[in-house]
Protein backbone atom coordinates (compact mmCIF):
# COMPACT_ATOMS: atom_id res chain seq x y z
CA UNK A 1 -32.80 31.28 -35.42
CA UNK A 2 -30.07 28.66 -35.11
CA UNK A 3 -29.54 25.65 -32.85
CA UNK A 4 -26.68 24.37 -30.74
CA UNK A 5 -26.45 20.66 -29.95
CA UNK A 6 -24.89 20.46 -26.50
CA UNK A 7 -22.66 17.81 -24.95
CA UNK A 8 -25.59 16.86 -22.69
CA UNK A 9 -27.75 15.94 -25.71
CA UNK A 10 -29.99 18.97 -25.47
CA UNK A 11 -30.71 21.28 -28.44
CA UNK A 12 -30.55 24.99 -27.63
CA UNK A 13 -32.22 27.57 -29.88
CA UNK A 14 -30.44 30.91 -30.16
CA UNK A 15 -30.04 34.20 -32.02
CA UNK A 16 -26.48 35.49 -32.33
CA UNK A 17 -25.63 39.03 -33.44
CA UNK A 18 -22.04 39.66 -34.51
CA UNK A 19 -20.33 42.86 -33.38
CA UNK A 20 -17.63 44.33 -31.21
CA UNK A 21 -16.83 42.91 -27.82
CA UNK A 22 -17.43 42.40 -25.01
CA UNK A 23 -20.29 40.07 -25.82
CA UNK A 24 -23.58 40.91 -24.13
CA UNK A 25 -25.54 37.76 -23.27
CA UNK A 26 -29.17 37.84 -22.15
CA UNK A 27 -30.26 35.20 -19.64
CA UNK A 28 -34.03 34.95 -19.32
CA UNK A 29 -36.32 34.10 -16.46
CA UNK A 30 -38.26 31.09 -15.22
CA UNK A 31 -40.42 29.74 -18.06
CA UNK A 32 -39.59 32.78 -20.22
CA UNK A 33 -38.12 32.62 -23.70
CA UNK A 34 -35.68 34.59 -25.82
CA UNK A 35 -38.50 36.38 -27.64
CA UNK A 36 -39.47 38.39 -24.57
CA UNK A 37 -39.60 42.18 -24.71
CA UNK A 38 -36.31 42.82 -22.90
CA UNK A 39 -34.28 40.28 -24.91
CA UNK A 40 -35.57 41.47 -28.28
CA UNK A 41 -35.18 45.14 -27.31
CA UNK A 42 -31.59 44.59 -26.23
CA UNK A 43 -30.84 42.82 -29.49
CA UNK A 44 -32.10 45.88 -31.37
CA UNK A 45 -29.93 48.11 -29.20
CA UNK A 46 -26.92 45.86 -29.82
CA UNK A 47 -27.38 45.98 -33.58
CA UNK A 48 -27.60 49.76 -33.52
CA UNK A 49 -24.47 49.96 -31.36
CA UNK A 50 -22.56 47.31 -33.30
CA UNK A 51 -22.31 45.26 -30.10
CA UNK A 52 -21.95 41.48 -30.09
CA UNK A 53 -25.09 39.97 -28.56
CA UNK A 54 -26.50 36.53 -27.78
CA UNK A 55 -29.97 35.47 -26.66
CA UNK A 56 -31.08 31.84 -26.33
CA UNK A 57 -33.66 29.51 -24.83
CA UNK A 58 -32.77 27.19 -21.97
CA UNK A 59 -33.80 23.58 -22.51
CA UNK A 60 -37.52 23.18 -21.86
CA UNK A 61 -38.07 26.83 -22.78
CA UNK A 62 -39.16 28.41 -26.05
CA UNK A 63 -37.81 26.68 -29.16
CA UNK A 64 -35.22 24.51 -27.38
CA UNK A 65 -35.55 20.77 -26.82
CA UNK A 66 -36.83 18.95 -23.71
CA UNK A 67 -39.84 19.66 -21.53
CA UNK A 68 -39.96 22.40 -18.95
CA UNK A 69 -40.96 19.95 -16.20
CA UNK A 70 -37.83 17.85 -16.78
CA UNK A 71 -35.48 20.77 -16.19
CA UNK A 72 -33.75 22.28 -13.18
CA UNK A 73 -31.56 25.22 -12.22
CA UNK A 74 -28.45 23.12 -12.75
CA UNK A 75 -29.58 22.04 -16.22
CA UNK A 76 -30.31 25.59 -17.28
CA UNK A 77 -26.98 26.81 -15.93
CA UNK A 78 -25.27 24.06 -17.95
CA UNK A 79 -27.13 25.23 -21.05
CA UNK A 80 -25.96 28.79 -20.44
CA UNK A 81 -22.34 27.80 -19.85
CA UNK A 82 -22.21 25.71 -23.00
CA UNK A 83 -23.93 28.35 -25.13
CA UNK A 84 -21.55 31.06 -23.93
CA UNK A 85 -18.43 28.92 -24.28
CA UNK A 86 -19.41 27.81 -27.80
CA UNK A 87 -21.07 30.88 -29.28
CA UNK A 88 -19.03 33.77 -27.84
CA UNK A 89 -15.40 34.63 -27.48
CA UNK A 90 -13.51 37.05 -25.26
CA UNK A 91 -15.02 39.02 -22.36
CA UNK A 92 -18.73 38.61 -21.63
CA UNK A 93 -21.22 40.87 -19.85
CA UNK A 94 -24.31 39.02 -18.63
CA UNK A 95 -27.79 40.51 -18.44
CA UNK A 96 -29.85 38.28 -16.14
CA UNK A 97 -33.58 38.76 -15.77
CA UNK A 98 -35.28 37.23 -12.71
CA UNK A 99 -34.07 33.60 -12.63
CA UNK A 100 -31.45 34.72 -15.14
CA UNK A 101 -29.83 36.71 -12.34
CA UNK A 102 -29.31 33.45 -10.42
CA UNK A 103 -28.11 31.64 -13.53
CA UNK A 104 -25.69 34.51 -14.18
CA UNK A 105 -23.96 34.01 -10.83
CA UNK A 106 -23.65 30.27 -11.50
CA UNK A 107 -22.18 31.01 -14.94
CA UNK A 108 -19.70 33.49 -13.45
CA UNK A 109 -18.44 30.69 -11.17
CA UNK A 110 -17.59 28.54 -14.18
CA UNK A 111 -16.50 30.95 -16.91
CA UNK A 112 -13.63 33.31 -16.18
CA UNK A 113 -14.50 35.43 -19.22
CA UNK A 114 -17.48 36.99 -17.38
CA UNK A 115 -16.50 40.60 -16.63
CA UNK A 116 -19.78 42.20 -15.58
CA UNK A 117 -23.45 41.69 -14.79
CA UNK A 118 -26.70 43.60 -15.07
CA UNK A 119 -29.38 41.96 -12.92
CA UNK A 120 -33.01 42.84 -13.63
CA UNK A 121 -35.30 41.81 -10.77
CA UNK A 122 -32.68 39.16 -10.01
CA UNK A 123 -34.07 36.14 -8.16
CA UNK A 124 -31.21 34.11 -6.68
CA UNK A 125 -32.15 30.99 -4.70
CA UNK A 126 -35.87 31.52 -5.35
CA UNK A 127 -36.73 27.80 -5.38
CA UNK A 128 -35.64 27.62 -1.75
CA UNK A 129 -36.34 31.08 -0.33
CA UNK A 130 -39.58 31.81 -2.17
CA UNK A 131 -41.12 28.54 -3.36
CA UNK A 132 -40.15 26.06 -0.66
CA UNK A 133 -40.37 28.62 2.12
CA UNK A 134 -43.88 29.50 0.95
CA UNK A 135 -45.24 25.96 0.69
CA UNK A 136 -47.62 24.82 3.40
CA UNK A 137 -47.39 21.36 4.95
CA UNK A 138 -49.91 19.89 2.49
CA UNK A 139 -47.93 21.16 -0.49
CA UNK A 140 -44.66 19.84 0.91
CA UNK A 141 -46.29 16.45 1.53
CA UNK A 142 -47.70 16.37 -2.01
CA UNK A 143 -44.29 17.24 -3.44
CA UNK A 144 -42.67 14.46 -1.40
CA UNK A 145 -45.34 11.84 -2.23
CA UNK A 146 -46.19 12.65 -5.84
CA UNK A 147 -43.07 14.53 -6.89
CA UNK A 148 -44.85 17.59 -8.28
CA UNK A 149 -47.36 20.30 -7.48
CA UNK A 150 -49.07 23.03 -9.48
CA UNK A 151 -48.62 26.68 -8.52
CA UNK A 152 -50.81 29.46 -9.90
CA UNK A 153 -49.10 31.96 -12.20
CA UNK A 154 -49.88 35.55 -13.15
CA UNK A 155 -48.31 34.88 -16.55
CA UNK A 156 -50.59 32.15 -17.94
CA UNK A 157 -51.02 28.45 -17.13
CA UNK A 158 -49.97 27.19 -13.68
CA UNK A 159 -46.35 26.33 -12.99
CA UNK A 160 -45.70 22.63 -12.56
CA UNK A 161 -43.08 22.47 -9.81
CA UNK A 162 -41.17 19.22 -9.42
CA UNK A 163 -39.34 17.76 -6.46
CA UNK A 164 -36.21 17.68 -8.64
CA UNK A 165 -36.45 21.44 -9.25
CA UNK A 166 -36.48 22.09 -5.49
CA UNK A 167 -33.76 19.56 -4.65
CA UNK A 168 -31.49 20.63 -7.50
CA UNK A 169 -32.03 24.26 -6.56
CA UNK A 170 -30.56 23.46 -3.14
CA UNK A 171 -27.43 22.17 -4.85
CA UNK A 172 -26.99 25.47 -6.69
CA UNK A 173 -27.69 28.14 -4.06
CA UNK A 174 -25.56 31.28 -4.33
CA UNK A 175 -26.52 33.36 -1.29
CA UNK A 176 -25.10 30.97 1.30
CA UNK A 177 -21.44 31.15 0.27
CA UNK A 178 -19.18 34.02 -0.78
CA UNK A 179 -19.26 35.04 -4.45
CA UNK A 180 -15.84 35.81 -5.90
CA UNK A 181 -15.97 39.30 -7.48
CA UNK A 182 -15.88 39.16 -11.27
CA UNK A 183 -16.50 42.76 -12.36
CA UNK A 184 -19.05 45.55 -11.99
CA UNK A 185 -22.58 44.51 -11.03
CA UNK A 186 -25.63 46.72 -11.53
CA UNK A 187 -28.95 45.58 -10.05
CA UNK A 188 -32.28 47.01 -11.22
CA UNK A 189 -35.40 46.45 -9.14
CA UNK A 190 -38.99 47.72 -9.35
CA UNK A 191 -40.76 48.76 -6.16
CA UNK A 192 -44.04 47.25 -7.46
CA UNK A 193 -42.48 43.85 -8.20
CA UNK A 194 -44.87 41.22 -6.81
CA UNK A 195 -42.50 38.29 -7.52
CA UNK A 196 -39.11 39.46 -6.23
CA UNK A 197 -39.09 41.52 -3.05
CA UNK A 198 -37.01 44.57 -2.23
CA UNK A 199 -35.50 42.47 0.57
CA UNK A 200 -34.17 40.02 -2.03
CA UNK A 201 -32.52 42.85 -3.96
CA UNK A 202 -30.97 44.26 -0.78
CA UNK A 203 -29.82 40.82 0.33
CA UNK A 204 -28.06 40.31 -3.01
CA UNK A 205 -26.50 43.78 -2.81
CA UNK A 206 -25.14 43.02 0.65
CA UNK A 207 -23.92 39.58 -0.39
CA UNK A 208 -21.87 40.60 -3.42
CA UNK A 209 -18.43 42.18 -3.07
CA UNK A 210 -16.76 44.77 -5.26
CA UNK A 211 -18.34 47.41 -7.51
CA UNK A 212 -22.02 46.64 -6.89
CA UNK A 213 -24.88 49.15 -7.18
CA UNK A 214 -28.64 48.77 -6.79
CA UNK A 215 -31.22 51.03 -8.43
CA UNK A 216 -34.87 50.97 -7.36
CA UNK A 217 -37.47 52.17 -9.86
CA UNK A 218 -40.65 53.38 -8.21
CA UNK A 219 -43.75 51.73 -9.63
CA UNK A 220 -41.93 49.28 -11.91
CA UNK A 221 -43.26 45.71 -11.80
CA UNK A 222 -41.54 42.38 -12.32
CA UNK A 223 -41.70 42.59 -16.11
CA UNK A 224 -39.59 45.77 -16.02
CA UNK A 225 -40.46 46.25 -19.69
CA UNK A 226 -42.08 49.63 -20.21
CA UNK A 227 -40.26 52.21 -22.30
CA UNK A 228 -38.60 53.92 -19.35
CA UNK A 229 -37.35 50.60 -17.92
CA UNK A 230 -36.03 49.46 -21.30
CA UNK A 231 -34.10 52.71 -21.69
CA UNK A 232 -32.70 52.27 -18.19
CA UNK A 233 -31.56 48.74 -19.04
CA UNK A 234 -29.78 50.10 -22.13
CA UNK A 235 -27.99 52.81 -20.14
CA UNK A 236 -27.05 50.34 -17.43
CA UNK A 237 -25.55 47.87 -19.91
CA UNK A 238 -23.63 50.73 -21.51
CA UNK A 239 -22.35 51.76 -18.05
CA UNK A 240 -21.05 48.27 -17.33
CA UNK A 241 -19.45 48.01 -20.78
CA UNK A 242 -17.67 51.31 -20.18
CA UNK A 243 -16.22 49.92 -16.94
CA UNK A 244 -14.68 46.75 -18.39
């Protein structure tokens, strides 16, 4: 593991695998880290294929600096942009899992080297369309008065959601304005996903222009990490690489 000291003063932990281009960059989900099943599996695939690959932790995640509660969508997008600009060269294919699908679209706005995307249970605009839309009046009042609320999580300790996360999310929404096409996009979505709905996947499919395809996997959940799903991710990344 190595570290990148960014221009914003944050320290980003990463693993970088040298190989042929285009670079494949894994962008993880909300409160996930680069040691998750999908990221590590893809690194193994990349090594076997001789493919250049990067995985890293956003600030406040995993082995990177800062606290999770201090971060926001904009911060994590900045981390991704700086990591990609500094640690890769040439064309880049992004693999965005959950929140990483949202971050990927923000990165593609800012880096013209992005030539393709694989979205896995992509969750664009979730702070607004899922979190804020799902808060009751008491939760919204608590967020306004105290600046934070706790939300239960199926993945461990509760999520501490800050007012800044919600407000900064509104500044980085991607489903309200056109997205300039940047290359082939392949979206993978499980039908048993309890965190990202089929409607979200269809909305993203309809919103994006160009060569965009959506695959539903019956029975797959939000983790999308069993053997069959991992093999599908591999094949899908290979498909995008073959197109660019």
